[in-house]
Amino acid sequence: MNSYEKQIESQVIDSNNLGAFYKHINKRITCRNSIGTLLSNDGNLISEDGEKAALFNNYFASVGTAEDGRVPLCDAVTGSGCVIDNVEFTKEQLRVAMGKLKSNLSSGPDGLPHCFLSV
């Protein structure tokens, strides 16, 4: 069993794929959904789920704002009849955007990833 685990870990490392690495690690993490012990304002350690929820609720209630029914002012409001006739991109903007695409996307016969075809 140990040699099998070593083989799997070696394959993950040799693949040089960061996503595969995190997937492998996340499968082995226990308690990944649990929130650790918290420290209250008075210095007490909080470990019970109900007390943690109350602590978070009190904090978010203290930093939130009460709904007063007023709509904020907005100077740049466009009418519902506003239509964009055309959109222009420079070659440089396209080059930068395409450079940010994931390099591991599979391409079709035209050399472009499938995500371009669904637009």
Foldseek 3Di string as FASTA:
>chain_A
DVVVVVVVVVVLVVVVDPVSVVVVVVVVDPPPVPDQWDAAPVGDTDHDPVVVVVRVVVVVVVPDDDDPPDDDDDPDDDDPPDDDPDDDDDPVRVVVVVVPDDPPADDDPVRDHCVVVVD
